[in-house]
Structure formats: structure tokens, C-alpha cells
Amino acid sequence: MPFFEYSGFDVKGRKVSGKIDGSGRKTVAKRLTQQGVFISHLDELAAPSAGLFKSQYFKRKVSSAELAIATRQLGTLLSAGIALDEALLTIGEQTDQAILSHTFMEIREKIIQGTSLHIAMEEHHRVFPNLFINMIQVGESSGTLDKVTHQLADFLDEQARIKSRIQAAIAYPLLMVLVGVGVLVFLFMFVVPKITLMLTELDRALPWPTYLLIAISEGIKDWWPGLFLVAVASFFLFMRYRKTPSGKHKIDGILLKIPIFGRLSLFIATAWFSRTLGTLLQSGVPLLKALDISQGLLKNVVLKKAIDGARRDVQEGGSLAKSLKESAVFPPMMAQMTAAGEKSGQLEPMLFRLADTYDHQTDLTITSLLSLLEPVLILLMGGVVGFVVLAILLPLFEASQGF
């Protein structure tokens, strides 16, 4: 169905504009007139090239924040009693995100043809994660789609907040490392060789720091293509090994044991899993299916294996808390609070409380990590620069003492 772009005035004389679909200009003009729009401009939009859109689609994904905004809008419109197809049309017209706009318009066409919302969304798995689609399915079957979309929006907002916090925490030390490495490479390749050439012309025995500096500088200058190729080859070999089941399991296990960083990774995964499971259970998803979905969203295979074992135990009639405790992978508090939730019949609120606790722990760990990383990086950079300065000044100082 073609889309049209229109502009005009409403019954109060205010300017209005937007996009609308229809079988032809006459049909669209009639619909707009019935809606109280006096058309001044109506143009049919060219259908987007499938190849072009596909390349744009795979170029970037829709962020959690963007999807949260659109989901909240959908919930608000549905709560106001607006029909689903009209709500999807409104979001498709109003959103500035091209992928979301196109996706919601396509979903609307499927809805008009009689397809259910969650099935229409399954065709756009790069936009809507498994958790999203399953919760929409529960909302449709229970008649609580407006409430479920609000829950999804809250969940996506929290997910976006955590990602933003982690990215902001990583950005500063990463920038410091990149700038520091860039400065050092420039010094060793272009500045130090000229200075060391002057020092060797002194025709005196050079101290060992100066010899070491000259060796490092000449090594980088002469061997940098080989060093670069070795680094690139090592990276690709590591990534290839990491894609193998045994490699990924071993590396993920090591990552969880790294001091500070491993604990941070575990806190983030625990909060993410708890909030996901709680959101699914609150929406009416059965526990086994909720565990299956939550497990699929975890990145660390060691943690995924522990959840898979818990799901099998629950399927056989066992306790989720007991299985989590026996896995000895997740923090002890997780098993304790899960057990309390199972006994009291308040598992969902307990999971949300657990997620909030580990979100707070994540923030504290990031703050302490940054406070530790900053002085360490400064000391390292200062030490390297100090070594370069010392290696240059020592022979000059000795030469001046000889006169």
C-alpha cells in the first residue's frame, strides 16, 4: 500500500502535516477530510528501495532507548482507547527513527490483514528481541496489551540507562589509553630517534636506560609493520578460538574470575537476568518459558549453562533457588532472595528487588573502578614519560660532568 505525505490545516486553522497510507489519492484525501484536515499539499512518496533499506537496516540496530520511546507511545495510545492499527500508524508517522518508522508501518499492514501483533513482530527480530515478542503475545492473549507495553517501556528504559552508564564509565579510561599510546608511538618513532642520534654522537658510554630507549625506539621504527601484523593475526585467532564452544566456555569462565572486572560482569549479568525474569513472570509468562528466554539473553556461556541447569531442575519439580545455589556461579544473595520469593509466593517483586540491589552494586563497582583506574593510568603514563626523560637527560648530565 503506497504512502502519502500531506500538509494542510485543521478545523481550528492550525497547520498540520504527516504521512498516511492508502490505496490512492482520492481515498487518502477522503480520509483526511473526514478527519477534519483541509489539504493544501498531498504527494505520494516513492517506495523505498528494498536493497537500500536492507543496507540501512543492517548498518545499525534500533537502540533500547529508541524502542522504549516507541513502546511507551504505543502503550499510551492503546490506554487512550485508540485502535491498534491507528496507534501503529501514529507512531510510524511521528518517529524520526527511519527503521522504526518503516517497521511499524509494515506491522500495521499485517495487522490490517488479520495477523496478530506478536506474529507480525517476529518478522522483525532485529528490532524486537525475543523477550519483547513473548510479552506482547502474553498481552494480546490476556487483553492487557496496554499494560504490557508500559512494562516493556520501563524495562527498556532501565536497560538503556545501564548501558549508558557502562559506556560512560569505559569512555574516559579508553580515551586516556588511546591518547597515551598514540603519544608514545609518536615519540618513539619520530622524536626519540633524533635525540638518540645526538646522544650517540657524544662518543661516550651510554647508561643502560638510554641503551634500552634506543633499542625500543629502533625496534618500533624498524619492526612496526611486523608487530602490527602479529597483533592483528593474534586478535583474529583469539576471536576464532572464542567462537568455538570450548574456547568460549573457557574464556567466559576466566572473565568471571578477573579481579574487579569479573565481579562487575557478574553483577551486571545478575541484575539483567533478575529484571528480565521478573518482567516476564509479572506479564504472565510461565516460569519455564521465562527462564528459557532469560537464559537466551545472557552473553556469558557459563552463566547460561547454570540457568539451563536450573530450568531443567524446575521442569523436574525442583526449586529454582536450590539449583542456583548448587551452580555456585551466581552471587549467594541471588539464591537466598529467590528462595524467600518462592516461599512467600512473591517471586516477581523479590526478583525486581534483587535487580535493583545489583544495579546499585554495579554503580558502586564502576565508581570504585574509575577511582582506581585513573591514578593507575596516570602513574603508568607518568612512569613511561619519566623513563624517556631520564634516558635522555642521563647522558647529557654525565657529559656535562666530564667537562
Protein backbone atom coordinates (compact mmCIF):
# COMPACT_ATOMS: atom_id res chain seq x y z
CA MET A 1 0.00 0.00 0.00
CA PRO A 2 1.50 3.37 -1.03
CA PHE A 3 2.23 6.16 1.45
CA PHE A 4 1.38 9.84 1.02
CA GLU A 5 2.84 12.94 2.62
CA TYR A 6 0.31 15.68 3.34
CA SER A 7 0.12 19.18 4.80
CA GLY A 8 -2.84 21.46 5.44
CA PHE A 9 -4.96 22.96 8.22
CA ASP A 10 -7.27 21.50 10.85
CA VAL A 11 -10.71 22.84 11.81
CA LYS A 12 -9.08 25.36 14.18
CA GLY A 13 -6.85 26.75 11.45
CA ARG A 14 -3.64 25.18 12.77
CA LYS A 15 -1.05 23.80 10.36
CA VAL A 16 -0.86 20.01 10.28
CA SER A 17 1.32 17.60 8.32
CA GLY A 18 2.26 13.95 8.31
CA LYS A 19 2.26 10.66 6.41
CA ILE A 20 -0.66 8.38 5.66
CA ASP A 21 -1.17 5.23 3.64
CA GLY A 22 -4.00 4.49 1.24
CA SER A 23 -4.93 2.78 -1.99
CA GLY A 24 -4.95 6.07 -3.95
CA ARG A 25 -5.02 9.87 -3.76
CA LYS A 26 -8.81 10.06 -3.70
CA THR A 27 -9.11 7.55 -0.87
CA VAL A 28 -6.44 9.36 1.18
CA ALA A 29 -7.98 12.78 0.51
CA LYS A 30 -11.38 11.49 1.62
CA ARG A 31 -9.94 10.03 4.82
CA LEU A 32 -8.14 13.25 5.69
CA THR A 33 -11.27 15.30 5.03
CA GLN A 34 -13.23 13.00 7.35
CA GLN A 35 -10.56 13.61 9.99
CA GLY A 36 -11.08 17.36 9.67
CA VAL A 37 -7.98 18.16 7.63
CA PHE A 38 -8.18 20.75 4.83
CA ILE A 39 -5.49 19.58 2.43
CA SER A 40 -3.13 22.09 0.85
CA HIS A 41 -0.49 19.61 -0.30
CA LEU A 42 -0.64 15.84 -0.96
CA ASP A 43 2.17 13.86 -2.58
CA GLU A 44 2.71 10.15 -2.99
CA LEU A 45 6.01 9.00 -1.51
CA ALA A 46 8.29 6.81 -3.55
CA ALA A 47 8.53 3.29 -2.16
CA PRO A 48 11.93 2.80 -0.51
CA SER A 49 14.34 0.60 -2.40
CA ALA A 50 14.45 -2.81 -0.75
CA GLY A 51 18.19 -3.04 -1.23
CA LEU A 52 18.79 0.43 0.17
CA PHE A 53 16.60 -0.15 3.19
CA LYS A 54 18.18 -3.53 3.79
CA SER A 55 21.65 -1.98 3.79
CA GLN A 56 20.48 0.71 6.20
CA TYR A 57 18.71 -1.92 8.31
CA PHE A 58 21.86 -3.97 8.77
CA LYS A 59 24.01 -0.87 9.22
CA ARG A 60 22.64 -0.12 12.68
CA LYS A 61 20.22 -1.60 15.16
CA VAL A 62 17.45 0.19 16.97
CA SER A 63 18.71 1.18 20.43
CA SER A 64 16.91 0.26 23.65
CA ALA A 65 16.16 3.95 24.29
CA GLU A 66 14.57 4.43 20.84
CA LEU A 67 12.48 1.26 21.17
CA ALA A 68 11.43 2.29 24.70
CA ILE A 69 10.08 5.63 23.47
CA ALA A 70 8.06 3.98 20.68
CA THR A 71 6.78 1.26 23.04
CA ARG A 72 5.66 3.80 25.63
CA GLN A 73 3.86 5.78 22.90
CA LEU A 74 2.10 2.59 21.81
CA GLY A 75 1.01 1.85 25.38
CA THR A 76 -0.25 5.41 25.87
CA LEU A 77 -2.29 5.34 22.66
CA LEU A 78 -3.77 1.92 23.47
CA SER A 79 -4.66 3.08 27.01
CA ALA A 80 -6.49 6.03 25.44
CA GLY A 81 -8.73 3.61 23.53
CA ILE A 82 -7.17 4.11 20.09
CA ALA A 83 -7.33 1.10 17.80
CA LEU A 84 -4.09 -0.84 17.34
CA ASP A 85 -3.73 -0.11 13.61
CA GLU A 86 -4.27 3.62 14.18
CA ALA A 87 -1.79 3.61 17.07
CA LEU A 88 0.84 1.92 14.88
CA LEU A 89 0.17 4.44 12.09
CA THR A 90 0.59 7.36 14.51
CA ILE A 91 3.92 6.03 15.81
CA GLY A 92 5.13 5.28 12.28
CA GLU A 93 4.36 8.84 11.22
CA GLN A 94 5.77 10.58 14.28
CA THR A 95 9.01 8.71 14.96
CA ASP A 96 12.19 10.18 13.47
CA GLN A 97 13.95 6.82 13.53
CA ALA A 98 13.77 5.54 9.93
CA ILE A 99 14.00 1.83 10.77
CA LEU A 100 11.30 2.04 13.45
CA SER A 101 9.03 4.12 11.22
CA HIS A 102 9.30 1.62 8.37
CA THR A 103 8.90 -1.34 10.74
CA PHE A 104 5.74 -0.02 12.42
CA MET A 105 4.20 0.76 9.03
CA GLU A 106 4.89 -2.79 7.83
CA ILE A 107 3.47 -4.27 11.05
CA ARG A 108 0.34 -2.13 10.63
CA GLU A 109 -0.24 -3.59 7.16
CA LYS A 110 -0.02 -7.11 8.64
CA ILE A 111 -2.47 -6.16 11.41
CA ILE A 112 -4.98 -4.85 8.84
CA GLN A 113 -4.67 -8.18 7.01
CA GLY A 114 -5.63 -10.01 10.22
CA THR A 115 -2.22 -11.04 11.59
CA SER A 116 -1.70 -10.83 15.35
CA LEU A 117 0.79 -8.27 16.62
CA HIS A 118 3.38 -10.66 18.04
CA ILE A 119 3.48 -12.71 14.82
CA ALA A 120 3.92 -9.55 12.76
CA MET A 121 6.78 -8.52 15.06
CA GLU A 122 8.52 -11.90 14.67
CA GLU A 123 9.42 -10.91 11.11
CA HIS A 124 11.48 -8.04 12.54
CA HIS A 125 13.61 -9.92 15.06
CA ARG A 126 16.50 -7.44 14.69
CA VAL A 127 14.23 -4.70 16.04
CA PHE A 128 12.20 -6.65 18.62
CA PRO A 129 14.05 -9.10 20.91
CA ASN A 130 12.58 -12.44 21.99
CA LEU A 131 11.55 -11.04 25.35
CA PHE A 132 9.60 -8.23 23.66
CA ILE A 133 7.70 -10.56 21.33
CA ASN A 134 6.80 -13.04 24.08
CA MET A 135 5.49 -10.30 26.36
CA ILE A 136 3.42 -8.85 23.51
CA GLN A 137 1.97 -12.33 22.92
CA VAL A 138 1.01 -12.59 26.59
CA GLY A 139 -0.52 -9.11 26.49
CA GLU A 140 -2.59 -10.00 23.43
CA SER A 141 -3.86 -13.28 24.88
CA SER A 142 -4.73 -11.72 28.25
CA GLY A 143 -6.20 -8.49 26.88
CA THR A 144 -3.66 -6.38 28.77
CA LEU A 145 -1.57 -5.18 25.83
CA ASP A 146 -1.55 -1.56 27.05
CA LYS A 147 -0.19 -2.56 30.48
CA VAL A 148 2.39 -4.92 28.98
CA THR A 149 3.72 -2.24 26.64
CA HIS A 150 4.19 0.11 29.61
CA GLN A 151 6.08 -2.64 31.46
CA LEU A 152 8.23 -3.22 28.39
CA ALA A 153 8.96 0.50 28.10
CA ASP A 154 10.07 0.64 31.77
CA PHE A 155 12.26 -2.42 31.23
CA LEU A 156 13.87 -0.99 28.08
CA ASP A 157 14.43 2.39 29.78
CA GLU A 158 16.29 0.68 32.62
CA GLN A 159 18.31 -1.37 30.14
CA ALA A 160 19.26 1.79 28.24
CA ARG A 161 20.25 3.53 31.49
CA ILE A 162 22.59 0.70 32.50
CA LYS A 163 24.19 0.55 29.03
CA SER A 164 24.69 4.31 29.04
CA ARG A 165 26.30 4.17 32.49
CA ILE A 166 28.70 1.41 31.44
CA GLN A 167 29.63 3.16 28.17
CA ALA A 168 30.26 6.43 30.00
CA ALA A 169 32.46 4.61 32.53
CA ILE A 170 34.50 2.93 29.79
CA ALA A 171 34.87 6.02 27.58
CA TYR A 172 37.24 8.07 29.78
CA PRO A 173 39.90 5.41 30.58
CA LEU A 174 39.72 4.11 26.99
CA LEU A 175 40.32 7.62 25.66
CA MET A 176 43.26 8.05 28.05
CA VAL A 177 44.81 4.77 26.90
CA LEU A 178 44.38 5.56 23.19
CA VAL A 179 45.80 9.08 23.52
CA GLY A 180 48.67 7.84 25.70
CA VAL A 181 49.59 5.04 23.31
CA GLY A 182 49.36 7.42 20.34
CA VAL A 183 51.68 9.94 22.02
CA LEU A 184 54.20 7.26 22.97
CA VAL A 185 54.24 5.75 19.46
CA PHE A 186 54.82 9.23 18.01
CA LEU A 187 57.66 9.88 20.48
CA PHE A 188 59.38 6.55 19.85
CA MET A 189 59.06 6.71 16.06
CA PHE A 190 59.81 10.37 15.33
CA VAL A 191 61.17 12.30 18.33
CA VAL A 192 63.35 9.82 20.23
CA PRO A 193 65.38 8.69 17.14
CA LYS A 194 66.55 12.28 16.51
CA ILE A 195 67.50 12.78 20.14
CA THR A 196 69.28 9.40 20.44
CA LEU A 197 71.23 10.18 17.25
CA MET A 198 72.57 13.27 19.00
CA LEU A 199 73.38 11.25 22.12
CA THR A 200 75.36 8.60 20.21
CA GLU A 201 77.46 11.38 18.66
CA LEU A 202 78.76 12.26 22.14
CA ASP A 203 81.18 9.32 21.73
CA ARG A 204 80.71 8.27 25.34
CA ALA A 205 79.47 5.13 27.06
CA LEU A 206 75.73 5.50 27.43
CA PRO A 207 73.84 4.47 30.58
CA TRP A 208 71.58 1.40 30.35
CA PRO A 209 68.28 3.39 30.33
CA THR A 210 69.50 5.20 27.22
CA TYR A 211 70.53 1.93 25.53
CA LEU A 212 67.12 0.47 26.34
CA LEU A 213 65.37 3.56 24.99
CA ILE A 214 67.37 3.40 21.76
CA ALA A 215 66.64 -0.32 21.35
CA ILE A 216 62.89 0.18 21.88
CA SER A 217 62.78 3.16 19.51
CA GLU A 218 64.70 1.36 16.75
CA GLY A 219 62.63 -1.80 17.26
CA ILE A 220 59.35 0.09 16.86
CA LYS A 221 60.64 2.07 13.89
CA ASP A 222 62.07 -0.95 12.05
CA TRP A 223 59.59 -3.64 13.01
CA TRP A 224 56.26 -1.84 13.33
CA PRO A 225 54.72 -3.48 10.20
CA GLY A 226 55.55 -6.94 11.55
CA LEU A 227 54.37 -6.04 15.05
CA PHE A 228 51.11 -4.71 13.60
CA LEU A 229 50.54 -7.88 11.57
CA VAL A 230 51.28 -10.07 14.61
CA ALA A 231 48.80 -8.06 16.70
CA VAL A 232 46.08 -8.31 14.02
CA ALA A 233 46.70 -12.04 13.48
CA SER A 234 46.62 -12.67 17.24
CA PHE A 235 43.33 -10.80 17.50
CA PHE A 236 41.69 -12.81 14.72
CA LEU A 237 42.99 -16.11 16.10
CA PHE A 238 41.65 -15.19 19.53
CA MET A 239 38.23 -14.28 18.09
CA ARG A 240 38.16 -17.52 16.10
CA TYR A 241 39.00 -19.55 19.20
CA ARG A 242 36.39 -17.64 21.19
CA LYS A 243 33.70 -18.71 18.71
CA THR A 244 34.35 -22.39 19.39
CA PRO A 245 32.22 -23.91 22.22
CA SER A 246 35.23 -24.92 24.34
CA GLY A 247 37.00 -21.61 23.72
CA LYS A 248 34.00 -19.50 24.61
CA HIS A 249 33.34 -21.52 27.77
CA LYS A 250 36.96 -21.24 28.91
CA ILE A 251 37.27 -17.51 28.13
CA ASP A 252 33.92 -16.67 29.74
CA GLY A 253 34.97 -18.60 32.84
CA ILE A 254 38.25 -16.66 33.02
CA LEU A 255 36.41 -13.35 32.56
CA LEU A 256 34.29 -14.04 35.63
CA LYS A 257 37.43 -14.66 37.72
CA ILE A 258 39.27 -11.45 36.80
CA PRO A 259 39.54 -9.24 39.91
CA ILE A 260 37.04 -6.33 39.95
CA PHE A 261 36.15 -6.72 36.25
CA GLY A 262 34.84 -10.25 36.78
CA ARG A 263 32.73 -9.15 39.73
CA LEU A 264 31.39 -6.21 37.72
CA SER A 265 30.46 -8.53 34.84
CA LEU A 266 28.69 -10.89 37.25
CA PHE A 267 26.74 -8.05 38.90
CA ILE A 268 25.57 -6.73 35.52
CA ALA A 269 24.50 -10.21 34.35
CA THR A 270 22.72 -10.94 37.66
CA ALA A 271 20.79 -7.66 37.54
CA TRP A 272 19.93 -8.17 33.87
CA PHE A 273 18.74 -11.77 34.39
CA SER A 274 16.71 -10.93 37.52
CA ARG A 275 14.96 -7.97 35.92
CA THR A 276 14.23 -9.91 32.72
CA LEU A 277 12.84 -12.92 34.59
CA GLY A 278 10.77 -10.71 36.90
CA THR A 279 9.34 -8.72 33.99
CA LEU A 280 8.37 -11.89 32.11
CA LEU A 281 6.75 -13.50 35.17
CA GLN A 282 4.88 -10.30 36.01
CA SER A 283 3.48 -10.27 32.47
CA GLY A 284 2.13 -13.80 32.84
CA VAL A 285 4.84 -15.79 31.04
CA PRO A 286 5.20 -19.30 32.60
CA LEU A 287 8.37 -19.84 34.65
CA LEU A 288 9.94 -22.43 32.33
CA LYS A 289 9.45 -20.27 29.26
CA ALA A 290 10.62 -17.18 31.17
CA LEU A 291 13.82 -19.00 32.20
CA ASP A 292 14.38 -20.11 28.62
CA ILE A 293 14.02 -16.54 27.29
CA SER A 294 16.13 -15.01 30.08
CA GLN A 295 18.87 -17.57 29.52
CA GLY A 296 18.97 -16.76 25.80
CA LEU A 297 19.61 -13.08 26.56
CA LEU A 298 22.74 -13.74 28.65
CA LYS A 299 26.08 -13.45 26.87
CA ASN A 300 28.30 -15.48 29.20
CA VAL A 301 28.02 -19.22 28.42
CA VAL A 302 29.00 -20.22 31.98
CA LEU A 303 26.01 -18.30 33.34
CA LYS A 304 23.78 -19.60 30.53
CA LYS A 305 24.74 -23.17 31.42
CA ALA A 306 23.83 -22.54 35.08
CA ILE A 307 20.40 -21.16 34.11
CA ASP A 308 19.83 -24.05 31.72
CA GLY A 309 20.52 -26.47 34.57
CA ALA A 310 18.11 -24.54 36.79
CA ARG A 311 15.42 -24.71 34.10
CA ARG A 312 15.81 -28.49 33.85
CA ASP A 313 15.58 -28.83 37.63
CA VAL A 314 12.41 -26.72 37.73
CA GLN A 315 10.94 -28.79 34.90
CA GLU A 316 11.50 -31.90 37.02
CA GLY A 317 9.80 -30.27 40.01
CA GLY A 318 12.87 -28.91 41.77
CA SER A 319 13.45 -25.50 43.35
CA LEU A 320 14.88 -22.61 41.33
CA ALA A 321 16.70 -21.20 44.36
CA LYS A 322 18.29 -24.57 45.23
CA SER A 323 19.52 -25.05 41.67
CA LEU A 324 21.01 -21.53 41.54
CA LYS A 325 22.79 -22.17 44.83
CA GLU A 326 24.21 -25.51 43.65
CA SER A 327 25.55 -23.94 40.45
CA ALA A 328 27.93 -21.83 42.61
CA VAL A 329 28.14 -19.29 39.78
CA PHE A 330 25.76 -16.52 40.77
CA PRO A 331 26.21 -14.47 43.97
CA PRO A 332 24.85 -16.21 47.13
CA MET A 333 22.32 -13.40 47.69
CA MET A 334 20.56 -14.36 44.47
CA ALA A 335 19.74 -17.87 45.71
CA GLN A 336 18.71 -16.54 49.15
CA MET A 337 16.32 -13.90 47.82
CA THR A 338 14.92 -16.29 45.20
CA ALA A 339 14.24 -18.84 47.94
CA ALA A 340 12.46 -16.17 50.01
CA GLY A 341 10.37 -15.22 46.98
CA GLU A 342 9.41 -18.84 46.26
CA LYS A 343 8.38 -19.50 49.87
CA SER A 344 6.29 -16.31 50.15
CA GLY A 345 4.78 -16.54 46.67
CA GLN A 346 6.28 -13.14 45.85
CA LEU A 347 8.97 -14.21 43.39
CA GLU A 348 8.47 -11.31 40.93
CA PRO A 349 8.84 -8.47 43.50
CA MET A 350 11.85 -10.25 45.00
CA LEU A 351 13.49 -10.52 41.58
CA PHE A 352 12.96 -6.80 40.97
CA ARG A 353 14.44 -6.02 44.39
CA LEU A 354 17.39 -8.27 43.55
CA ALA A 355 17.89 -6.46 40.24
CA ASP A 356 17.80 -3.07 41.98
CA THR A 357 20.34 -4.29 44.54
CA TYR A 358 22.81 -5.44 41.89
CA ASP A 359 22.22 -2.34 39.78
CA HIS A 360 23.31 -0.36 42.84
CA GLN A 361 26.29 -2.69 43.32
CA THR A 362 27.19 -2.19 39.66
CA ASP A 363 27.19 1.59 40.09
CA LEU A 364 29.36 1.33 43.21
CA THR A 365 31.79 -1.04 41.48
CA ILE A 366 32.07 1.21 38.43
CA THR A 367 32.69 4.24 40.65
CA SER A 368 35.40 2.44 42.64
CA LEU A 369 36.92 1.04 39.44
CA LEU A 370 37.15 4.51 37.90
CA SER A 371 38.68 5.96 41.05
CA LEU A 372 41.30 3.17 40.88
CA LEU A 373 41.91 3.27 37.12
CA GLU A 374 42.52 7.00 36.82
CA PRO A 375 45.55 7.19 39.17
CA VAL A 376 46.91 3.86 37.84
CA LEU A 377 46.78 5.12 34.24
CA ILE A 378 48.32 8.45 35.25
CA LEU A 379 51.12 6.65 37.11
CA LEU A 380 51.80 4.34 34.16
CA MET A 381 51.91 7.19 31.67
CA GLY A 382 53.99 9.28 34.05
CA GLY A 383 56.37 6.37 34.56
CA VAL A 384 56.91 5.85 30.84
CA VAL A 385 57.40 9.57 30.17
CA GLY A 386 59.70 9.79 33.20
CA PHE A 387 61.78 6.91 31.84
CA VAL A 388 62.10 8.62 28.44
CA VAL A 389 63.14 11.91 30.06
CA LEU A 390 65.63 10.13 32.35
CA ALA A 391 67.15 8.16 29.47
CA ILE A 392 67.68 11.39 27.52
CA LEU A 393 68.97 13.54 30.39
CA LEU A 394 71.35 10.99 31.98
CA PRO A 395 73.99 11.03 29.20
CA LEU A 396 73.68 14.81 28.90
CA PHE A 397 74.22 15.16 32.65
CA GLU A 398 77.24 12.79 32.55
CA ALA A 399 78.68 14.65 29.58
CA SER A 400 78.36 17.97 31.36
CA GLN A 401 80.16 16.48 34.41
CA GLY A 402 83.04 15.40 32.19
CA PHE A 403 83.85 18.94 31.10
